[in-house]
PDB file of all heavy atoms in Angstrom:
ATOM      1  N   GLU A   1     159.949  75.895 139.026  1.00  0.00           N
ATOM      2  CA  GLU A   1     160.990  76.893 138.800  1.00  0.00           C
ATOM      3  C   GLU A   1     161.903  77.012 140.012  1.00  0.00           C
ATOM      4  O   GLU A   1     161.507  76.762 141.153  1.00  0.00           O
ATOM      5  CB  GLU A   1     160.378  78.248 138.479  1.00  0.00           C
ATOM      6  CG  GLU A   1     159.584  78.865 139.589  1.00  0.00           C
ATOM      7  CD  GLU A   1     159.137  80.268 139.219  1.00  0.00           C
ATOM      8  OE1 GLU A   1     158.082  80.403 138.592  1.00  0.00           O
ATOM      9  OE2 GLU A   1     159.869  81.208 139.587  1.00  0.00           O
ATOM     10  N   ARG A   2     163.162  77.415 139.710  1.00  0.00           N
ATOM     11  CA  ARG A   2     164.153  77.574 140.772  1.00  0.00           C
ATOM     12  C   ARG A   2     165.062  78.730 140.390  1.00  0.00           C
ATOM     13  O   ARG A   2     165.529  78.819 139.256  1.00  0.00           O
ATOM     14  CB  ARG A   2     164.959  76.274 140.912  1.00  0.00           C
ATOM     15  CG  ARG A   2     166.047  76.312 141.975  1.00  0.00           C
ATOM     16  CD  ARG A   2     166.487  74.877 142.335  1.00  0.00           C
ATOM     17  NE  ARG A   2     166.794  74.088 141.150  1.00  0.00           N
ATOM     18  CZ  ARG A   2     168.021  73.992 140.609  1.00  0.00           C
ATOM     19  NH1 ARG A   2     169.029  74.659 141.147  1.00  0.00           N
ATOM     20  NH2 ARG A   2     168.232  73.229 139.545  1.00  0.00           N
ATOM     21  N   GLU A   3     165.292  79.653 141.322  1.00  0.00           N
ATOM     22  CA  GLU A   3     166.120  80.823 141.037  1.00  0.00           C
ATOM     23  C   GLU A   3     167.594  80.489 141.249  1.00  0.00           C
ATOM     24  O   GLU A   3     167.979  79.975 142.301  1.00  0.00           O
ATOM     25  CB  GLU A   3     165.709  81.998 141.933  1.00  0.00           C
ATOM     26  CG  GLU A   3     166.355  83.303 141.509  1.00  0.00           C
ATOM     27  CD  GLU A   3     165.660  84.514 142.102  1.00  0.00           C
ATOM     28  OE1 GLU A   3     164.406  84.508 142.187  1.00  0.00           O
ATOM     29  OE2 GLU A   3     166.373  85.463 142.482  1.00  0.00           O
ATOM     30  N   VAL A   4     168.412  80.795 140.224  1.00  0.00           N
ATOM     31  CA  VAL A   4     169.842  80.512 140.282  1.00  0.00           C
ATOM     32  C   VAL A   4     170.610  81.713 139.753  1.00  0.00           C
ATOM     33  O   VAL A   4     170.063  82.587 139.084  1.00  0.00           O
ATOM     34  CB  VAL A   4     170.212  79.262 139.450  1.00  0.00           C
ATOM     35  CG1 VAL A   4     169.493  78.031 139.955  1.00  0.00           C
ATOM     36  CG2 VAL A   4     169.916  79.494 137.959  1.00  0.00           C
ATOM     37  N   SER A   5     171.899  81.767 140.058  1.00  0.00           N
ATOM     38  CA  SER A   5     172.769  82.786 139.487  1.00  0.00           C
ATOM     39  C   SER A   5     172.913  82.537 137.989  1.00  0.00           C
ATOM     40  O   SER A   5     172.927  81.385 137.540  1.00  0.00           O
ATOM     41  CB  SER A   5     174.140  82.736 140.160  1.00  0.00           C
ATOM     42  OG  SER A   5     175.084  83.491 139.425  1.00  0.00           O
ATOM     43  N   ILE A   6     173.043  83.599 137.215  1.00  0.00           N
ATOM     44  CA  ILE A   6     173.172  83.415 135.761  1.00  0.00           C
ATOM     45  C   ILE A   6     174.440  82.646 135.409  1.00  0.00           C
ATOM     46  O   ILE A   6     174.520  82.033 134.345  1.00  0.00           O
ATOM     47  CB  ILE A   6     173.139  84.762 134.998  1.00  0.00           C
ATOM     48  CG1 ILE A   6     174.310  85.661 135.418  1.00  0.00           C
ATOM     49  CG2 ILE A   6     171.828  85.464 135.164  1.00  0.00           C
ATOM     50  CD1 ILE A   6     174.545  86.816 134.477  1.00  0.00           C
ATOM     51  N   ASP A   7     175.436  82.674 136.296  1.00  0.00           N
ATOM     52  CA  ASP A   7     176.669  81.926 136.036  1.00  0.00           C
ATOM     53  C   ASP A   7     176.440  80.416 136.075  1.00  0.00           C
ATOM     54  O   ASP A   7     177.270  79.648 135.581  1.00  0.00           O
ATOM     55  CB  ASP A   7     177.745  82.299 137.057  1.00  0.00           C
ATOM     56  CG  ASP A   7     178.157  83.763 136.947  1.00  0.00           C
ATOM     57  OD1 ASP A   7     178.129  84.281 135.813  1.00  0.00           O
ATOM     58  OD2 ASP A   7     178.486  84.369 137.971  1.00  0.00           O
ATOM     59  N   GLN A   8     175.323  79.988 136.665  1.00  0.00           N
ATOM     60  CA  GLN A   8     175.015  78.563 136.752  1.00  0.00           C
ATOM     61  C   GLN A   8     174.222  78.053 135.545  1.00  0.00           C
ATOM     62  O   GLN A   8     174.006  76.856 135.421  1.00  0.00           O
ATOM     63  CB  GLN A   8     174.216  78.279 138.032  1.00  0.00           C
ATOM     64  CG  GLN A   8     175.005  78.526 139.315  1.00  0.00           C
ATOM     65  CD  GLN A   8     174.166  78.281 140.550  1.00  0.00           C
ATOM     66  OE1 GLN A   8     173.612  79.189 141.153  1.00  0.00           O
ATOM     67  NE2 GLN A   8     174.026  77.015 140.916  1.00  0.00           N
ATOM     68  N   LEU A   9     173.781  78.962 134.684  1.00  0.00           N
ATOM     69  CA  LEU A   9     173.009  78.542 133.518  1.00  0.00           C
ATOM     70  C   LEU A   9     173.880  77.762 132.548  1.00  0.00           C
ATOM     71  O   LEU A   9     175.044  78.103 132.320  1.00  0.00           O
ATOM     72  CB  LEU A   9     172.413  79.760 132.808  1.00  0.00           C
ATOM     73  CG  LEU A   9     171.327  80.545 133.551  1.00  0.00           C
ATOM     74  CD1 LEU A   9     170.891  81.742 132.725  1.00  0.00           C
ATOM     75  CD2 LEU A   9     170.129  79.645 133.852  1.00  0.00           C
ATOM     76  N   ARG A  10     173.298  76.729 131.951  1.00  0.00           N
ATOM     77  CA  ARG A  10     173.985  75.919 130.957  1.00  0.00           C
ATOM     78  C   ARG A  10     173.188  75.945 129.651  1.00  0.00           C
ATOM     79  O   ARG A  10     171.963  76.108 129.663  1.00  0.00           O
ATOM     80  CB  ARG A  10     174.133  74.469 131.441  1.00  0.00           C
ATOM     81  CG  ARG A  10     174.958  74.324 132.720  1.00  0.00           C
ATOM     82  CD  ARG A  10     176.424  74.670 132.468  1.00  0.00           C
ATOM     83  NE  ARG A  10     177.234  74.546 133.674  1.00  0.00           N
ATOM     84  CZ  ARG A  10     177.517  75.568 134.469  1.00  0.00           C
ATOM     85  NH1 ARG A  10     177.047  76.786 134.193  1.00  0.00           N
ATOM     86  NH2 ARG A  10     178.268  75.400 135.546  1.00  0.00           N
ATOM     87  N   VAL A  11     173.896  75.777 128.549  1.00  0.00           N
ATOM     88  CA  VAL A  11     173.229  75.738 127.249  1.00  0.00           C
ATOM     89  C   VAL A  11     172.201  74.607 127.255  1.00  0.00           C
ATOM     90  O   VAL A  11     172.499  73.483 127.645  1.00  0.00           O
ATOM     91  CB  VAL A  11     174.244  75.531 126.111  1.00  0.00           C
ATOM     92  CG1 VAL A  11     173.535  75.353 124.775  1.00  0.00           C
ATOM     93  CG2 VAL A  11     175.211  76.713 126.051  1.00  0.00           C
ATOM     94  N   GLY A  12     170.984  74.929 126.831  1.00  0.00           N
ATOM     95  CA  GLY A  12     169.903  73.947 126.812  1.00  0.00           C
ATOM     96  C   GLY A  12     168.938  74.076 127.977  1.00  0.00           C
ATOM     97  O   GLY A  12     167.835  73.529 127.939  1.00  0.00           O
ATOM     98  N   ASP A  13     169.334  74.803 129.047  1.00  0.00           N
ATOM     99  CA  ASP A  13     168.411  75.037 130.161  1.00  0.00           C
ATOM    100  C   ASP A  13     167.200  75.832 129.687  1.00  0.00           C
ATOM    101  O   ASP A  13     167.285  76.614 128.734  1.00  0.00           O
ATOM    102  CB  ASP A  13     169.114  75.821 131.279  1.00  0.00           C
ATOM    103  CG  ASP A  13     170.060  74.959 132.103  1.00  0.00           C
ATOM    104  OD1 ASP A  13     169.996  73.726 131.945  1.00  0.00           O
ATOM    105  OD2 ASP A  13     170.846  75.514 132.890  1.00  0.00           O
ATOM    106  N   TRP A  14     166.079  75.652 130.402  1.00  0.00           N
ATOM    107  CA  TRP A  14     164.883  76.443 130.142  1.00  0.00           C
ATOM    108  C   TRP A  14     164.771  77.514 131.216  1.00  0.00           C
ATOM    109  O   TRP A  14     164.872  77.222 132.419  1.00  0.00           O
ATOM    110  CB  TRP A  14     163.628  75.561 130.146  1.00  0.00           C
ATOM    111  CG  TRP A  14     163.515  74.671 128.950  1.00  0.00           C
ATOM    112  CD1 TRP A  14     164.462  74.420 128.015  1.00  0.00           C
ATOM    113  CD2 TRP A  14     162.371  73.906 128.572  1.00  0.00           C
ATOM    114  NE1 TRP A  14     164.005  73.542 127.073  1.00  0.00           N
ATOM    115  CE2 TRP A  14     162.703  73.209 127.386  1.00  0.00           C
ATOM    116  CE3 TRP A  14     161.103  73.722 129.112  1.00  0.00           C
ATOM    117  CZ2 TRP A  14     161.821  72.359 126.737  1.00  0.00           C
ATOM    118  CZ3 TRP A  14     160.205  72.883 128.477  1.00  0.00           C
ATOM    119  CH2 TRP A  14     160.562  72.205 127.286  1.00  0.00           C
ATOM    120  N   VAL A  15     164.541  78.743 130.790  1.00  0.00           N
ATOM    121  CA  VAL A  15     164.453  79.876 131.711  1.00  0.00           C
ATOM    122  C   VAL A  15     163.089  80.538 131.558  1.00  0.00           C
ATOM    123  O   VAL A  15     162.638  80.799 130.434  1.00  0.00           O
ATOM    124  CB  VAL A  15     165.574  80.903 131.419  1.00  0.00           C
ATOM    125  CG1 VAL A  15     165.373  82.167 132.233  1.00  0.00           C
ATOM    126  CG2 VAL A  15     166.937  80.300 131.723  1.00  0.00           C
ATOM    127  N   LEU A  16     162.448  80.812 132.684  1.00  0.00           N
ATOM    128  CA  LEU A  16     161.149  81.478 132.690  1.00  0.00           C
ATOM    129  C   LEU A  16     161.337  82.963 132.966  1.00  0.00           C
ATOM    130  O   LEU A  16     162.024  83.342 133.916  1.00  0.00           O
ATOM    131  CB  LEU A  16     160.247  80.869 133.772  1.00  0.00           C
ATOM    132  CG  LEU A  16     158.881  81.527 133.986  1.00  0.00           C
ATOM    133  CD1 LEU A  16     158.028  81.398 132.736  1.00  0.00           C
ATOM    134  CD2 LEU A  16     158.173  80.912 135.183  1.00  0.00           C
ATOM    135  N   VAL A  17     160.746  83.808 132.127  1.00  0.00           N
ATOM    136  CA  VAL A  17     160.806  85.263 132.305  1.00  0.00           C
ATOM    137  C   VAL A  17     159.386  85.796 132.394  1.00  0.00           C
ATOM    138  O   VAL A  17     158.597  85.642 131.459  1.00  0.00           O
ATOM    139  CB  VAL A  17     161.558  85.946 131.142  1.00  0.00           C
ATOM    140  CG1 VAL A  17     161.659  87.452 131.401  1.00  0.00           C
ATOM    141  CG2 VAL A  17     162.950  85.355 130.971  1.00  0.00           C
ATOM    142  N   LYS A  18     159.062  86.409 133.523  1.00  0.00           N
ATOM    143  CA  LYS A  18     157.713  86.921 133.754  1.00  0.00           C
ATOM    144  C   LYS A  18     157.568  88.335 133.185  1.00  0.00           C
ATOM    145  O   LYS A  18     158.555  88.993 132.855  1.00  0.00           O
ATOM    146  CB  LYS A  18     157.415  86.910 135.254  1.00  0.00           C
ATOM    147  CG  LYS A  18     157.385  85.516 135.854  1.00  0.00           C
ATOM    148  CD  LYS A  18     157.040  85.580 137.333  1.00  0.00           C
ATOM    149  CE  LYS A  18     157.008  84.180 137.934  1.00  0.00           C
ATOM    150  NZ  LYS A  18     156.642  84.197 139.372  1.00  0.00           N
ATOM    151  N   PRO A  19     156.320  88.826 133.099  1.00  0.00           N
ATOM    152  CA  PRO A  19     156.101  90.192 132.580  1.00  0.00           C
ATOM    153  C   PRO A  19     156.874  91.234 133.378  1.00  0.00           C
ATOM    154  O   PRO A  19     156.917  91.197 134.618  1.00  0.00           O
ATOM    155  CB  PRO A  19     154.590  90.377 132.752  1.00  0.00           C
ATOM    156  CG  PRO A  19     154.030  89.003 132.689  1.00  0.00           C
ATOM    157  CD  PRO A  19     155.050  88.135 133.362  1.00  0.00           C
ATOM    158  N   GLY A  20     157.514  92.165 132.656  1.00  0.00           N
ATOM    159  CA  GLY A  20     158.241  93.257 133.289  1.00  0.00           C
ATOM    160  C   GLY A  20     159.605  92.898 133.812  1.00  0.00           C
ATOM    161  O   GLY A  20     160.292  93.754 134.376  1.00  0.00           O
ATOM    162  N   GLU A  21     160.048  91.658 133.622  1.00  0.00           N
ATOM    163  CA  GLU A  21     161.353  91.239 134.122  1.00  0.00           C
ATOM    164  C   GLU A  21     162.425  91.348 133.043  1.00  0.00           C
ATOM    165  O   GLU A  21     162.134  91.370 131.847  1.00  0.00           O
ATOM    166  CB  GLU A  21     161.304  89.800 134.641  1.00  0.00           C
ATOM    167  CG  GLU A  21     160.521  89.651 135.927  1.00  0.00           C
ATOM    168  CD  GLU A  21     160.644  88.248 136.503  1.00  0.00           C
ATOM    169  OE1 GLU A  21     160.913  87.294 135.737  1.00  0.00           O
ATOM    170  OE2 GLU A  21     160.474  88.107 137.714  1.00  0.00           O
ATOM    171  N   GLN A  22     163.656  91.364 133.522  1.00  0.00           N
ATOM    172  CA  GLN A  22     164.798  91.396 132.616  1.00  0.00           C
ATOM    173  C   GLN A  22     165.091  89.995 132.100  1.00  0.00           C
ATOM    174  O   GLN A  22     165.026  89.023 132.852  1.00  0.00           O
ATOM    175  CB  GLN A  22     166.003  91.940 133.375  1.00  0.00           C
ATOM    176  CG  GLN A  22     167.187  92.326 132.506  1.00  0.00           C
ATOM    177  CD  GLN A  22     168.324  92.850 133.354  1.00  0.00           C
ATOM    178  OE1 GLN A  22     168.560  92.357 134.454  1.00  0.00           O
ATOM    179  NE2 GLN A  22     169.020  93.843 132.859  1.00  0.00           N
ATOM    180  N   ILE A  23     165.399  89.896 130.819  1.00  0.00           N
ATOM    181  CA  ILE A  23     165.763  88.600 130.239  1.00  0.00           C
ATOM    182  C   ILE A  23     167.223  88.319 130.598  1.00  0.00           C
ATOM    183  O   ILE A  23     168.104  89.128 130.305  1.00  0.00           O
ATOM    184  CB  ILE A  23     165.549  88.608 128.717  1.00  0.00           C
ATOM    185  CG1 ILE A  23     164.043  88.735 128.422  1.00  0.00           C
ATOM    186  CG2 ILE A  23     166.113  87.352 128.073  1.00  0.00           C
ATOM    187  CD1 ILE A  23     163.711  88.884 126.960  1.00  0.00           C
ATOM    188  N   PRO A  24     167.505  87.190 131.251  1.00  0.00           N
ATOM    189  CA  PRO A  24     168.842  86.961 131.806  1.00  0.00           C
ATOM    190  C   PRO A  24     169.836  86.284 130.874  1.00  0.00           C
ATOM    191  O   PRO A  24     170.995  86.118 131.229  1.00  0.00           O
ATOM    192  CB  PRO A  24     168.552  86.052 133.007  1.00  0.00           C
ATOM    193  CG  PRO A  24     167.370  85.250 132.570  1.00  0.00           C
ATOM    194  CD  PRO A  24     166.548  86.156 131.689  1.00  0.00           C
ATOM    195  N   THR A  25     169.408  85.845 129.687  1.00  0.00           N
ATOM    196  CA  THR A  25     170.284  85.026 128.853  1.00  0.00           C
ATOM    197  C   THR A  25     169.982  85.224 127.378  1.00  0.00           C
ATOM    198  O   THR A  25     168.868  85.619 127.005  1.00  0.00           O
ATOM    199  CB  THR A  25     170.108  83.533 129.205  1.00  0.00           C
ATOM    200  OG1 THR A  25     170.995  82.745 128.410  1.00  0.00           O
ATOM    201  CG2 THR A  25     168.689  83.078 128.963  1.00  0.00           C
ATOM    202  N   ASP A  26     170.968  84.980 126.526  1.00  0.00           N
ATOM    203  CA  ASP A  26     170.724  84.869 125.094  1.00  0.00           C
ATOM    204  C   ASP A  26     170.065  83.521 124.843  1.00  0.00           C
ATOM    205  O   ASP A  26     170.568  82.489 125.318  1.00  0.00           O
ATOM    206  CB  ASP A  26     172.037  84.932 124.306  1.00  0.00           C
ATOM    207  CG  ASP A  26     172.563  86.346 124.175  1.00  0.00           C
ATOM    208  OD1 ASP A  26     172.023  87.239 124.851  1.00  0.00           O
ATOM    209  OD2 ASP A  26     173.517  86.557 123.405  1.00  0.00           O
ATOM    210  N   GLY A  27     168.977  83.518 124.122  1.00  0.00           N
ATOM    211  CA  GLY A  27     168.307  82.245 123.894  1.00  0.00           C
ATOM    212  C   GLY A  27     167.219  82.345 122.845  1.00  0.00           C
ATOM    213  O   GLY A  27     167.082  83.361 122.147  1.00  0.00           O
ATOM    214  N   THR A  28     166.433  81.270 122.760  1.00  0.00           N
ATOM    215  CA  THR A  28     165.338  81.173 121.790  1.00  0.00           C
ATOM    216  C   THR A  28     164.036  80.927 122.538  1.00  0.00           C
ATOM    217  O   THR A  28     163.985  80.085 123.440  1.00  0.00           O
ATOM    218  CB  THR A  28     165.599  80.026 120.798  1.00  0.00           C
ATOM    219  OG1 THR A  28     166.846  80.252 120.145  1.00  0.00           O
ATOM    220  CG2 THR A  28     164.485  79.943 119.765  1.00  0.00           C
ATOM    221  N   VAL A  29     163.000  81.667 122.163  1.00  0.00           N
ATOM    222  CA  VAL A  29     161.687  81.488 122.785  1.00  0.00           C
ATOM    223  C   VAL A  29     161.120  80.134 122.364  1.00  0.00           C
ATOM    224  O   VAL A  29     161.008  79.844 121.166  1.00  0.00           O
ATOM    225  CB  VAL A  29     160.721  82.615 122.378  1.00  0.00           C
ATOM    226  CG1 VAL A  29     159.337  82.374 122.996  1.00  0.00           C
ATOM    227  CG2 VAL A  29     161.263  83.969 122.801  1.00  0.00           C
ATOM    228  N   ILE A  30     160.770  79.278 123.334  1.00  0.00           N
ATOM    229  CA  ILE A  30     160.181  77.978 123.013  1.00  0.00           C
ATOM    230  C   ILE A  30     158.699  77.918 123.390  1.00  0.00           C
ATOM    231  O   ILE A  30     157.982  77.018 122.961  1.00  0.00           O
ATOM    232  CB  ILE A  30     160.943  76.822 123.696  1.00  0.00           C
ATOM    233  CG1 ILE A  30     160.987  77.016 125.212  1.00  0.00           C
ATOM    234  CG2 ILE A  30     162.334  76.699 123.140  1.00  0.00           C
ATOM    235  CD1 ILE A  30     161.630  75.845 125.935  1.00  0.00           C
TER     236      ILE A  30
END
């Protein structure tokens, strides 16, 4: 994992969200 600004996210990227954290993007749980 690597922490980046949400402005750097691209469609198709995988994002990890831990318990109690804010979800940073619109997406689908895989």
